[in-house]
Amino acid sequence: MSGAAGSTLMVLKPVLCHPKYIYSFINRYYSYINSKPKGSGTPHVNPDIFWKLPFPIAPLNEQKRIVAKLDAIMPRIEAVKERLDKVPTILKRFRQSVLTAAVSGKLTEQWREEHPVVESAEKLVQSLLQKRLEKCSTPVQEQKINFIYNETEVEDDNSLPESWKFTFLSKICESFQYGTSAKSDNKGKVVVLRMGNLQNGKN
């Protein structure tokens, strides 16, 4: 093999090797070569590393067969990679569709059919009201709680199951406090929603 090397450009001229065979070999060690560059201002290929790579030379006819196999396989690999690159977007859309089904009642349609007698959401909200009133120690606190629960919610547009209802978060959450910088984990039972996660009223 003969070649020429510069600070930012290297040209290889195969003598007894198929060009694509060498190209495939260099691609195999691409990350390794880039991980050990020479120079700090403009990092480039370290010749001491490059020229000592263990090149597995095969008979020329076999090299040609290997190249032909790679030409047939690599496009399929790239096609698979392209599909895999789309997986995060597909998973995100699927996650959103599942969450939408969950908060619209579609996810538990069969469960409701099997359990027709359940406490309605309206009764649940009223029970929360009673519990919060019981915790009040002054008339001012009671007045504040009653004011929250007397607010009118969005009218039912028949998009929710019969036992569900629209309500305000202020009726089911005792407080909204800003005072934690804790980061949420991917797993856990408690949702951590920080002020920085809210943009235009959405997270």
N, C-alpha and C. Protein backbone atom coordinates (compact mmCIF):
# COMPACT_ATOMS: atom_id res chain seq x y z
N MET A 1 0.86 -1.19 0.00
CA MET A 1 0.00 0.00 0.00
C MET A 1 0.89 1.24 0.00
N SER A 2 0.60 2.20 -0.82
CA SER A 2 1.31 3.48 -0.80
C SER A 2 0.31 4.57 -0.48
N GLY A 3 0.79 5.71 0.01
CA GLY A 3 -0.14 6.76 0.38
C GLY A 3 0.57 8.07 0.63
N ALA A 4 -0.20 9.11 0.89
CA ALA A 4 0.34 10.42 1.23
C ALA A 4 -0.45 10.97 2.40
N ALA A 5 0.24 11.61 3.31
CA ALA A 5 -0.43 12.13 4.50
C ALA A 5 -0.12 13.59 4.69
N GLY A 6 -1.13 14.36 5.10
CA GLY A 6 -0.97 15.76 5.42
C GLY A 6 -1.54 16.01 6.79
N SER A 7 -1.54 17.27 7.25
CA SER A 7 -2.02 17.55 8.60
C SER A 7 -3.53 17.38 8.72
N THR A 8 -4.26 17.61 7.63
CA THR A 8 -5.72 17.48 7.69
C THR A 8 -6.29 16.55 6.63
N LEU A 9 -5.42 15.96 5.78
CA LEU A 9 -5.92 15.12 4.69
C LEU A 9 -4.99 13.93 4.50
N MET A 10 -5.59 12.74 4.33
CA MET A 10 -4.81 11.54 4.05
C MET A 10 -5.41 10.83 2.85
N VAL A 11 -4.58 10.47 1.90
CA VAL A 11 -5.02 9.75 0.71
C VAL A 11 -4.31 8.41 0.67
N LEU A 12 -5.08 7.32 0.56
CA LEU A 12 -4.51 5.98 0.48
C LEU A 12 -4.69 5.43 -0.93
N LYS A 13 -3.66 4.80 -1.44
CA LYS A 13 -3.73 4.17 -2.75
C LYS A 13 -3.42 2.68 -2.59
N PRO A 14 -4.46 1.84 -2.61
CA PRO A 14 -4.23 0.40 -2.43
C PRO A 14 -3.39 -0.17 -3.56
N VAL A 15 -2.53 -1.14 -3.20
CA VAL A 15 -1.71 -1.81 -4.17
C VAL A 15 -2.24 -3.21 -4.47
N LEU A 16 -2.43 -3.99 -3.43
CA LEU A 16 -2.92 -5.36 -3.60
C LEU A 16 -4.21 -5.58 -2.83
N CYS A 17 -4.96 -4.54 -2.60
CA CYS A 17 -6.21 -4.64 -1.84
C CYS A 17 -7.33 -3.93 -2.59
N HIS A 18 -8.53 -4.43 -2.38
CA HIS A 18 -9.71 -3.79 -2.96
C HIS A 18 -9.97 -2.49 -2.18
N PRO A 19 -10.16 -1.34 -2.87
CA PRO A 19 -10.36 -0.06 -2.17
C PRO A 19 -11.50 -0.10 -1.16
N LYS A 20 -12.62 -0.73 -1.52
CA LYS A 20 -13.76 -0.77 -0.61
C LYS A 20 -13.49 -1.66 0.60
N TYR A 21 -12.60 -2.63 0.42
CA TYR A 21 -12.24 -3.50 1.54
C TYR A 21 -11.48 -2.69 2.60
N ILE A 22 -10.54 -1.86 2.13
CA ILE A 22 -9.79 -0.98 3.06
C ILE A 22 -10.73 0.06 3.67
N TYR A 23 -11.62 0.59 2.83
CA TYR A 23 -12.59 1.58 3.32
C TYR A 23 -13.44 1.01 4.46
N SER A 24 -13.86 -0.23 4.30
CA SER A 24 -14.67 -0.89 5.33
C SER A 24 -13.85 -1.09 6.60
N PHE A 25 -12.58 -1.44 6.43
CA PHE A 25 -11.70 -1.64 7.58
C PHE A 25 -11.53 -0.33 8.35
N ILE A 26 -11.29 0.76 7.63
CA ILE A 26 -11.11 2.06 8.30
C ILE A 26 -12.39 2.48 9.01
N ASN A 27 -13.53 2.24 8.39
CA ASN A 27 -14.80 2.54 9.05
C ASN A 27 -14.96 1.75 10.34
N ARG A 28 -14.46 0.50 10.32
CA ARG A 28 -14.53 -0.35 11.51
C ARG A 28 -13.79 0.31 12.68
N TYR A 29 -12.66 0.99 12.40
CA TYR A 29 -11.84 1.60 13.45
C TYR A 29 -12.01 3.12 13.51
N TYR A 30 -13.06 3.63 12.87
CA TYR A 30 -13.24 5.09 12.78
C TYR A 30 -13.27 5.75 14.17
N SER A 31 -14.10 5.19 15.06
CA SER A 31 -14.23 5.78 16.40
C SER A 31 -12.92 5.69 17.17
N TYR A 32 -12.23 4.56 17.03
CA TYR A 32 -10.95 4.37 17.72
C TYR A 32 -9.92 5.38 17.23
N ILE A 33 -9.85 5.58 15.91
CA ILE A 33 -8.90 6.54 15.34
C ILE A 33 -9.19 7.95 15.84
N ASN A 34 -10.47 8.31 15.86
CA ASN A 34 -10.84 9.66 16.30
C ASN A 34 -10.65 9.86 17.80
N SER A 35 -10.64 8.76 18.55
CA SER A 35 -10.48 8.89 20.00
C SER A 35 -9.03 9.13 20.40
N LYS A 36 -8.10 8.94 19.47
CA LYS A 36 -6.67 9.12 19.77
C LYS A 36 -6.03 10.04 18.74
N PRO A 37 -6.52 11.29 18.64
CA PRO A 37 -5.97 12.21 17.63
C PRO A 37 -4.60 12.76 18.05
N LYS A 38 -3.93 13.38 17.12
CA LYS A 38 -2.66 14.03 17.39
C LYS A 38 -2.81 15.52 17.18
N GLY A 39 -2.30 16.30 18.11
CA GLY A 39 -2.43 17.74 18.01
C GLY A 39 -3.58 18.25 18.86
N SER A 40 -3.44 19.47 19.35
CA SER A 40 -4.48 20.05 20.21
C SER A 40 -5.23 21.18 19.50
N GLY A 41 -4.51 21.99 18.72
CA GLY A 41 -5.18 23.09 18.03
C GLY A 41 -6.14 22.58 16.99
N THR A 42 -5.61 21.77 16.07
CA THR A 42 -6.44 21.12 15.04
C THR A 42 -6.15 19.62 15.09
N PRO A 43 -6.90 18.88 15.89
CA PRO A 43 -6.64 17.43 16.02
C PRO A 43 -6.76 16.72 14.67
N HIS A 44 -5.82 15.82 14.40
CA HIS A 44 -5.87 15.06 13.16
C HIS A 44 -5.40 13.63 13.44
N VAL A 45 -5.45 12.80 12.41
CA VAL A 45 -5.13 11.38 12.57
C VAL A 45 -3.69 11.22 13.05
N ASN A 46 -3.54 10.42 14.07
CA ASN A 46 -2.21 10.13 14.60
C ASN A 46 -1.59 9.02 13.75
N PRO A 47 -0.54 9.31 12.97
CA PRO A 47 0.04 8.28 12.08
C PRO A 47 0.59 7.08 12.85
N ASP A 48 1.09 7.31 14.07
CA ASP A 48 1.62 6.20 14.85
C ASP A 48 0.51 5.20 15.20
N ILE A 49 -0.72 5.72 15.36
CA ILE A 49 -1.85 4.84 15.64
C ILE A 49 -2.37 4.21 14.36
N PHE A 50 -2.51 5.05 13.32
CA PHE A 50 -3.13 4.59 12.08
C PHE A 50 -2.32 3.49 11.40
N TRP A 51 -1.00 3.72 11.24
CA TRP A 51 -0.19 2.77 10.48
C TRP A 51 0.01 1.44 11.21
N LYS A 52 -0.29 1.40 12.50
CA LYS A 52 -0.08 0.17 13.25
C LYS A 52 -1.39 -0.57 13.52
N LEU A 53 -2.47 -0.15 12.87
CA LEU A 53 -3.72 -0.87 13.02
C LEU A 53 -3.58 -2.29 12.46
N PRO A 54 -4.11 -3.29 13.16
CA PRO A 54 -3.98 -4.69 12.70
C PRO A 54 -4.91 -4.97 11.52
N PHE A 55 -4.38 -4.83 10.32
CA PHE A 55 -5.19 -4.99 9.11
C PHE A 55 -5.29 -6.47 8.72
N PRO A 56 -6.52 -7.02 8.70
CA PRO A 56 -6.70 -8.44 8.37
C PRO A 56 -6.79 -8.65 6.85
N ILE A 57 -5.67 -8.81 6.21
CA ILE A 57 -5.68 -8.95 4.76
C ILE A 57 -6.15 -10.34 4.35
N ALA A 58 -7.01 -10.38 3.34
CA ALA A 58 -7.54 -11.64 2.82
C ALA A 58 -7.15 -11.76 1.36
N PRO A 59 -7.20 -12.97 0.79
CA PRO A 59 -6.94 -13.12 -0.65
C PRO A 59 -7.81 -12.16 -1.46
N LEU A 60 -7.28 -11.67 -2.57
CA LEU A 60 -7.96 -10.63 -3.34
C LEU A 60 -9.36 -11.06 -3.78
N ASN A 61 -9.48 -12.30 -4.26
CA ASN A 61 -10.81 -12.76 -4.69
C ASN A 61 -11.80 -12.78 -3.54
N GLU A 62 -11.31 -13.14 -2.34
CA GLU A 62 -12.19 -13.15 -1.18
C GLU A 62 -12.55 -11.74 -0.76
N GLN A 63 -11.58 -10.81 -0.92
CA GLN A 63 -11.89 -9.40 -0.64
C GLN A 63 -13.04 -8.92 -1.51
N LYS A 64 -13.00 -9.31 -2.77
CA LYS A 64 -14.06 -8.91 -3.69
C LYS A 64 -15.41 -9.48 -3.26
N ARG A 65 -15.40 -10.72 -2.80
CA ARG A 65 -16.65 -11.33 -2.34
C ARG A 65 -17.17 -10.62 -1.09
N ILE A 66 -16.22 -10.25 -0.19
CA ILE A 66 -16.61 -9.53 1.03
C ILE A 66 -17.23 -8.18 0.68
N VAL A 67 -16.59 -7.48 -0.26
CA VAL A 67 -17.11 -6.17 -0.69
C VAL A 67 -18.50 -6.32 -1.30
N ALA A 68 -18.68 -7.38 -2.12
CA ALA A 68 -19.99 -7.61 -2.74
C ALA A 68 -21.05 -7.87 -1.68
N LYS A 69 -20.66 -8.65 -0.65
CA LYS A 69 -21.60 -8.93 0.45
C LYS A 69 -21.95 -7.64 1.19
N LEU A 70 -20.94 -6.81 1.44
CA LEU A 70 -21.18 -5.55 2.15
C LEU A 70 -22.08 -4.63 1.33
N ASP A 71 -21.86 -4.58 0.01
CA ASP A 71 -22.69 -3.75 -0.86
C ASP A 71 -24.15 -4.19 -0.81
N ALA A 72 -24.37 -5.48 -0.57
CA ALA A 72 -25.74 -5.99 -0.51
C ALA A 72 -26.36 -5.78 0.87
N ILE A 73 -25.51 -5.88 1.91
CA ILE A 73 -26.03 -5.82 3.28
C ILE A 73 -26.15 -4.40 3.81
N MET A 74 -25.16 -3.55 3.55
CA MET A 74 -25.12 -2.22 4.16
C MET A 74 -26.36 -1.36 3.89
N PRO A 75 -26.90 -1.35 2.66
CA PRO A 75 -28.13 -0.57 2.45
C PRO A 75 -29.28 -1.05 3.34
N ARG A 76 -29.36 -2.36 3.56
CA ARG A 76 -30.40 -2.88 4.44
C ARG A 76 -30.17 -2.44 5.87
N ILE A 77 -28.88 -2.42 6.28
CA ILE A 77 -28.55 -1.96 7.64
C ILE A 77 -28.92 -0.49 7.80
N GLU A 78 -28.60 0.32 6.79
CA GLU A 78 -28.93 1.75 6.84
C GLU A 78 -30.44 1.95 6.90
N ALA A 79 -31.17 1.11 6.17
CA ALA A 79 -32.63 1.22 6.19
C ALA A 79 -33.18 0.89 7.57
N VAL A 80 -32.59 -0.15 8.20
CA VAL A 80 -33.01 -0.51 9.56
C VAL A 80 -32.67 0.61 10.53
N LYS A 81 -31.47 1.18 10.38
CA LYS A 81 -31.05 2.28 11.25
C LYS A 81 -32.00 3.47 11.12
N GLU A 82 -32.40 3.76 9.88
CA GLU A 82 -33.33 4.87 9.64
C GLU A 82 -34.66 4.63 10.34
N ARG A 83 -35.12 3.37 10.30
CA ARG A 83 -36.37 3.05 10.99
C ARG A 83 -36.20 3.14 12.51
N LEU A 84 -35.03 2.69 13.00
CA LEU A 84 -34.78 2.76 14.44
C LEU A 84 -34.68 4.20 14.93
N ASP A 85 -34.14 5.08 14.06
CA ASP A 85 -34.05 6.50 14.43
C ASP A 85 -35.42 7.11 14.64
N LYS A 86 -36.43 6.51 14.01
CA LYS A 86 -37.79 7.03 14.15
C LYS A 86 -38.49 6.50 15.39
N VAL A 87 -37.88 5.48 16.03
CA VAL A 87 -38.52 4.84 17.18
C VAL A 87 -38.82 5.82 18.32
N PRO A 88 -37.85 6.70 18.72
CA PRO A 88 -38.16 7.64 19.82
C PRO A 88 -39.41 8.48 19.54
N THR A 89 -39.55 8.96 18.29
CA THR A 89 -40.73 9.76 17.94
C THR A 89 -42.00 8.92 18.02
N ILE A 90 -41.90 7.68 17.52
CA ILE A 90 -43.07 6.78 17.56
C ILE A 90 -43.45 6.49 19.00
N LEU A 91 -42.45 6.23 19.86
CA LEU A 91 -42.71 5.95 21.27
C LEU A 91 -43.33 7.15 21.97
N LYS A 92 -42.84 8.35 21.62
CA LYS A 92 -43.39 9.56 22.22
C LYS A 92 -44.86 9.73 21.84
N ARG A 93 -45.17 9.51 20.57
CA ARG A 93 -46.56 9.62 20.11
C ARG A 93 -47.43 8.57 20.78
N PHE A 94 -46.87 7.34 20.91
CA PHE A 94 -47.63 6.26 21.54
C PHE A 94 -47.89 6.60 23.01
N ARG A 95 -46.87 7.13 23.67
CA ARG A 95 -47.02 7.51 25.08
C ARG A 95 -48.10 8.57 25.24
N GLN A 96 -48.10 9.56 24.34
CA GLN A 96 -49.10 10.62 24.41
C GLN A 96 -50.51 10.06 24.16
N SER A 97 -50.61 9.11 23.23
CA SER A 97 -51.92 8.53 22.94
C SER A 97 -52.43 7.72 24.12
N VAL A 98 -51.51 7.02 24.81
CA VAL A 98 -51.91 6.24 25.99
C VAL A 98 -52.36 7.18 27.11
N LEU A 99 -51.62 8.28 27.31
CA LEU A 99 -51.99 9.24 28.35
C LEU A 99 -53.33 9.89 28.02
N THR A 100 -53.54 10.19 26.75
CA THR A 100 -54.81 10.77 26.34
C THR A 100 -55.96 9.80 26.60
N ALA A 101 -55.73 8.53 26.28
CA ALA A 101 -56.74 7.51 26.54
C ALA A 101 -57.00 7.38 28.04
N ALA A 102 -55.95 7.53 28.85
CA ALA A 102 -56.09 7.39 30.29
C ALA A 102 -56.94 8.51 30.88
N VAL A 103 -56.67 9.74 30.49
CA VAL A 103 -57.39 10.88 31.09
C VAL A 103 -58.74 11.13 30.44
N SER A 104 -59.05 10.39 29.38
CA SER A 104 -60.37 10.53 28.76
C SER A 104 -61.30 9.38 29.11
N GLY A 105 -60.77 8.40 29.83
CA GLY A 105 -61.59 7.27 30.26
C GLY A 105 -61.61 6.10 29.31
N LYS A 106 -61.01 6.26 28.12
CA LYS A 106 -61.04 5.17 27.14
C LYS A 106 -60.21 3.97 27.60
N LEU A 107 -59.20 4.25 28.41
CA LEU A 107 -58.31 3.18 28.85
C LEU A 107 -59.01 2.22 29.81
N THR A 108 -60.05 2.68 30.47
CA THR A 108 -60.73 1.84 31.48
C THR A 108 -62.18 1.57 31.13
N GLU A 109 -62.51 1.62 29.86
CA GLU A 109 -63.90 1.37 29.43
C GLU A 109 -64.37 -0.02 29.87
N GLN A 110 -63.55 -1.03 29.65
CA GLN A 110 -63.95 -2.39 30.01
C GLN A 110 -64.10 -2.54 31.52
N TRP A 111 -63.20 -1.88 32.27
CA TRP A 111 -63.29 -1.95 33.73
C TRP A 111 -64.60 -1.36 34.23
N ARG A 112 -65.02 -0.24 33.65
CA ARG A 112 -66.28 0.38 34.07
C ARG A 112 -67.47 -0.51 33.75
N GLU A 113 -67.37 -1.23 32.63
CA GLU A 113 -68.46 -2.15 32.28
C GLU A 113 -68.56 -3.28 33.30
N GLU A 114 -67.41 -3.71 33.81
CA GLU A 114 -67.39 -4.79 34.79
C GLU A 114 -67.69 -4.30 36.20
N HIS A 115 -67.54 -2.98 36.43
CA HIS A 115 -67.81 -2.39 37.75
C HIS A 115 -68.74 -1.19 37.58
N PRO A 116 -70.01 -1.43 37.29
CA PRO A 116 -70.94 -0.33 37.02
C PRO A 116 -71.27 0.52 38.25
N VAL A 117 -71.15 -0.06 39.44
CA VAL A 117 -71.48 0.69 40.66
C VAL A 117 -70.18 1.17 41.31
N VAL A 118 -69.85 2.42 41.09
CA VAL A 118 -68.66 3.03 41.68
C VAL A 118 -69.01 4.43 42.17
N GLU A 119 -68.23 4.92 43.11
CA GLU A 119 -68.45 6.28 43.60
C GLU A 119 -68.11 7.28 42.51
N SER A 120 -69.00 8.19 42.24
CA SER A 120 -68.79 9.16 41.17
C SER A 120 -67.71 10.17 41.55
N ALA A 121 -67.16 10.80 40.54
CA ALA A 121 -66.14 11.82 40.78
C ALA A 121 -66.72 13.00 41.55
N GLU A 122 -67.99 13.30 41.34
CA GLU A 122 -68.64 14.40 42.06
C GLU A 122 -68.62 14.13 43.55
N LYS A 123 -68.95 12.90 43.95
CA LYS A 123 -68.93 12.55 45.37
C LYS A 123 -67.51 12.59 45.92
N LEU A 124 -66.55 12.22 45.11
CA LEU A 124 -65.15 12.27 45.54
C LEU A 124 -64.72 13.70 45.84
N VAL A 125 -65.09 14.62 44.95
CA VAL A 125 -64.75 16.03 45.16
C VAL A 125 -65.42 16.57 46.42
N GLN A 126 -66.67 16.17 46.65
CA GLN A 126 -67.38 16.63 47.85
C GLN A 126 -66.74 16.07 49.12
N SER A 127 -66.26 14.84 49.05
CA SER A 127 -65.59 14.26 50.22
C SER A 127 -64.28 14.99 50.51
N LEU A 128 -63.60 15.42 49.46
CA LEU A 128 -62.38 16.19 49.64
C LEU A 128 -62.68 17.54 50.28
N LEU A 129 -63.79 18.13 49.87
CA LEU A 129 -64.23 19.39 50.47
C LEU A 129 -64.45 19.22 51.97
N GLN A 130 -65.13 18.18 52.37
CA GLN A 130 -65.41 17.95 53.79
C GLN A 130 -64.12 17.73 54.58
N LYS A 131 -63.21 16.99 54.02
CA LYS A 131 -61.95 16.73 54.71
C LYS A 131 -61.14 18.00 54.89
N ARG A 132 -61.16 18.87 53.89
CA ARG A 132 -60.41 20.12 54.00
C ARG A 132 -61.08 21.09 54.97
N LEU A 133 -62.40 21.06 55.00
CA LEU A 133 -63.10 21.91 55.96
C LEU A 133 -62.83 21.45 57.39
N GLU A 134 -62.72 20.15 57.59
CA GLU A 134 -62.44 19.62 58.93
C GLU A 134 -61.07 20.03 59.43
N LYS A 135 -60.17 20.30 58.51
CA LYS A 135 -58.82 20.72 58.90
C LYS A 135 -58.74 22.22 59.22
N CYS A 136 -59.78 22.96 58.83
CA CYS A 136 -59.76 24.41 59.06
C CYS A 136 -59.89 24.71 60.54
N SER A 137 -59.13 25.69 60.98
CA SER A 137 -59.18 26.08 62.39
C SER A 137 -59.75 27.48 62.59
N THR A 138 -60.01 28.21 61.49
CA THR A 138 -60.57 29.56 61.60
C THR A 138 -61.64 29.75 60.53
N PRO A 139 -62.57 30.67 60.76
CA PRO A 139 -63.61 30.98 59.76
C PRO A 139 -63.01 31.47 58.44
N VAL A 140 -61.88 32.16 58.54
CA VAL A 140 -61.24 32.67 57.31
C VAL A 140 -60.78 31.51 56.44
N GLN A 141 -60.23 30.48 57.06
CA GLN A 141 -59.79 29.31 56.30
C GLN A 141 -60.97 28.59 55.66
N GLU A 142 -62.07 28.49 56.40
CA GLU A 142 -63.27 27.85 55.86
C GLU A 142 -63.81 28.64 54.68
N GLN A 143 -63.79 29.95 54.82
CA GLN A 143 -64.29 30.80 53.73
C GLN A 143 -63.44 30.62 52.46
N LYS A 144 -62.14 30.51 52.67
CA LYS A 144 -61.24 30.33 51.53
C LYS A 144 -61.51 29.00 50.83
N ILE A 145 -61.70 27.94 51.62
CA ILE A 145 -61.97 26.62 51.05
C ILE A 145 -63.30 26.61 50.30
N ASN A 146 -64.32 27.19 50.92
CA ASN A 146 -65.64 27.23 50.28
C ASN A 146 -65.60 28.03 48.98
N PHE A 147 -64.81 29.09 48.97
CA PHE A 147 -64.69 29.90 47.76
C PHE A 147 -64.11 29.06 46.62
N ILE A 148 -63.10 28.24 46.94
CA ILE A 148 -62.48 27.38 45.93
C ILE A 148 -63.50 26.41 45.34
N TYR A 149 -64.29 25.78 46.24
CA TYR A 149 -65.21 24.74 45.77
C TYR A 149 -66.51 25.30 45.19
N ASN A 150 -66.74 26.59 45.37
CA ASN A 150 -67.92 27.20 44.77
C ASN A 150 -67.67 27.69 43.35
N GLU A 151 -66.41 27.65 42.94
CA GLU A 151 -66.10 28.07 41.57
C GLU A 151 -66.70 27.08 40.58
N THR A 152 -67.18 27.61 39.46
CA THR A 152 -67.82 26.77 38.45
C THR A 152 -66.79 26.20 37.48
N GLU A 153 -66.88 24.89 37.29
CA GLU A 153 -65.96 24.24 36.37
C GLU A 153 -66.44 24.35 34.93
N VAL A 154 -65.63 23.81 34.04
CA VAL A 154 -66.00 23.74 32.63
C VAL A 154 -67.24 22.87 32.51
N GLU A 155 -68.20 23.29 31.72
CA GLU A 155 -69.41 22.49 31.55
C GLU A 155 -69.08 21.17 30.86
N ASP A 156 -69.75 20.13 31.25
CA ASP A 156 -69.54 18.81 30.66
C ASP A 156 -69.92 18.83 29.19
N ASP A 157 -68.97 18.44 28.34
CA ASP A 157 -69.23 18.42 26.90
C ASP A 157 -69.46 17.00 26.39
N ASN A 158 -69.79 16.11 27.32
CA ASN A 158 -70.08 14.71 27.01
C ASN A 158 -68.87 13.95 26.47
N SER A 159 -67.67 14.49 26.69
CA SER A 159 -66.47 13.78 26.25
C SER A 159 -65.94 12.85 27.32
N LEU A 160 -66.46 12.98 28.56
CA LEU A 160 -66.01 12.15 29.66
C LEU A 160 -67.04 11.06 29.97
N PRO A 161 -66.60 9.96 30.59
CA PRO A 161 -67.55 8.93 31.03
C PRO A 161 -68.56 9.52 32.03
N GLU A 162 -69.67 8.85 32.19
CA GLU A 162 -70.77 9.37 33.01
C GLU A 162 -70.36 9.63 34.46
N SER A 163 -69.48 8.79 35.01
CA SER A 163 -69.10 8.94 36.42
C SER A 163 -67.96 9.91 36.64
N TRP A 164 -67.44 10.48 35.55
CA TRP A 164 -66.33 11.44 35.65
C TRP A 164 -66.87 12.87 35.66
N LYS A 165 -65.97 13.82 35.89
CA LYS A 165 -66.33 15.23 35.78
C LYS A 165 -65.08 16.08 35.63
N PHE A 166 -65.25 17.25 35.04
CA PHE A 166 -64.16 18.22 34.98
C PHE A 166 -64.13 18.97 36.31
N THR A 167 -62.94 19.25 36.80
CA THR A 167 -62.82 20.04 38.01
C THR A 167 -61.51 20.82 37.97
N PHE A 168 -61.32 21.72 38.94
CA PHE A 168 -60.10 22.50 39.01
C PHE A 168 -59.07 21.76 39.85
N LEU A 169 -57.79 21.93 39.51
CA LEU A 169 -56.74 21.33 40.32
C LEU A 169 -56.76 21.85 41.75
N SER A 170 -57.22 23.09 41.91
CA SER A 170 -57.27 23.67 43.25
C SER A 170 -58.24 22.93 44.17
N LYS A 171 -59.14 22.14 43.59
CA LYS A 171 -60.10 21.39 44.39
C LYS A 171 -59.57 20.02 44.82
N ILE A 172 -58.53 19.56 44.15
CA ILE A 172 -58.00 18.25 44.51
C ILE A 172 -56.56 18.31 45.02
N CYS A 173 -55.98 19.52 45.01
CA CYS A 173 -54.63 19.72 45.54
C CYS A 173 -54.69 20.77 46.64
N GLU A 174 -54.09 20.48 47.77
CA GLU A 174 -54.18 21.41 48.89
C GLU A 174 -53.32 22.64 48.69
N SER A 175 -52.20 22.51 48.02
CA SER A 175 -51.32 23.67 47.86
C SER A 175 -50.45 23.53 46.62
N PHE A 176 -50.02 24.67 46.12
CA PHE A 176 -49.07 24.72 45.03
C PHE A 176 -47.91 25.58 45.51
N GLN A 177 -46.81 24.96 45.85
CA GLN A 177 -45.70 25.69 46.44
C GLN A 177 -44.48 25.62 45.55
N TYR A 178 -43.78 26.74 45.47
CA TYR A 178 -42.50 26.79 44.76
C TYR A 178 -41.40 26.88 45.80
N GLY A 179 -40.55 25.91 45.83
CA GLY A 179 -39.51 25.93 46.85
C GLY A 179 -38.64 24.69 46.79
N THR A 180 -38.72 23.95 45.69
CA THR A 180 -37.88 22.77 45.55
C THR A 180 -37.16 22.80 44.22
N SER A 181 -35.92 22.37 44.25
CA SER A 181 -35.14 22.25 43.02
C SER A 181 -34.86 20.78 42.71
N ALA A 182 -35.60 19.90 43.40
CA ALA A 182 -35.38 18.46 43.20
C ALA A 182 -35.72 18.06 41.78
N LYS A 183 -34.90 17.21 41.24
CA LYS A 183 -35.14 16.70 39.89
C LYS A 183 -35.88 15.37 39.98
N SER A 184 -36.78 15.16 39.07
CA SER A 184 -37.55 13.92 39.08
C SER A 184 -36.77 12.81 38.39
N ASP A 185 -36.99 11.60 38.86
CA ASP A 185 -36.37 10.42 38.25
C ASP A 185 -37.31 9.85 37.20
N ASN A 186 -36.76 8.97 36.38
CA ASN A 186 -37.59 8.32 35.36
C ASN A 186 -38.60 7.38 35.98
N LYS A 187 -38.30 6.89 37.20
CA LYS A 187 -39.20 5.97 37.88
C LYS A 187 -39.55 6.54 39.25
N GLY A 188 -40.71 6.18 39.73
CA GLY A 188 -41.13 6.63 41.06
C GLY A 188 -42.62 6.83 41.13
N LYS A 189 -43.12 7.07 42.34
CA LYS A 189 -44.55 7.22 42.55
C LYS A 189 -44.98 8.68 42.66
N VAL A 190 -44.03 9.58 42.94
CA VAL A 190 -44.36 10.99 43.15
C VAL A 190 -43.89 11.81 41.95
N VAL A 191 -44.81 12.56 41.37
CA VAL A 191 -44.48 13.41 40.22
C VAL A 191 -43.90 14.72 40.72
N VAL A 192 -42.76 15.12 40.21
CA VAL A 192 -42.14 16.41 40.56
C VAL A 192 -42.30 17.34 39.37
N LEU A 193 -43.09 18.38 39.55
CA LEU A 193 -43.34 19.36 38.50
C LEU A 193 -42.86 20.72 38.98
N ARG A 194 -41.77 21.20 38.40
CA ARG A 194 -41.20 22.48 38.81
C ARG A 194 -41.74 23.62 37.95
N MET A 195 -41.57 24.84 38.45
CA MET A 195 -42.08 26.00 37.72
C MET A 195 -41.44 26.11 36.34
N GLY A 196 -40.16 25.69 36.24
CA GLY A 196 -39.47 25.76 34.96
C GLY A 196 -40.03 24.79 33.94
N ASN A 197 -40.82 23.80 34.41
CA ASN A 197 -41.41 22.83 33.49
C ASN A 197 -42.68 23.38 32.84
N LEU A 198 -43.16 24.51 33.31
CA LEU A 198 -44.41 25.09 32.80
C LEU A 198 -44.11 26.21 31.81
N GLN A 199 -44.65 26.11 30.62
CA GLN A 199 -44.51 27.14 29.61
C GLN A 199 -45.88 27.43 29.02
N ASN A 200 -46.34 28.65 29.20
CA ASN A 200 -47.67 29.02 28.70
C ASN A 200 -48.78 28.12 29.25
N GLY A 201 -48.62 27.73 30.51
CA GLY A 201 -49.64 26.93 31.17
C GLY A 201 -49.56 25.45 30.85
N LYS A 202 -48.53 25.01 30.11
CA LYS A 202 -48.40 23.61 29.75
C LYS A 202 -47.03 23.12 30.15
N ASN A 203 -46.94 21.80 30.42
CA ASN A 203 -45.64 21.22 30.76
C ASN A 203 -45.06 20.47 29.58
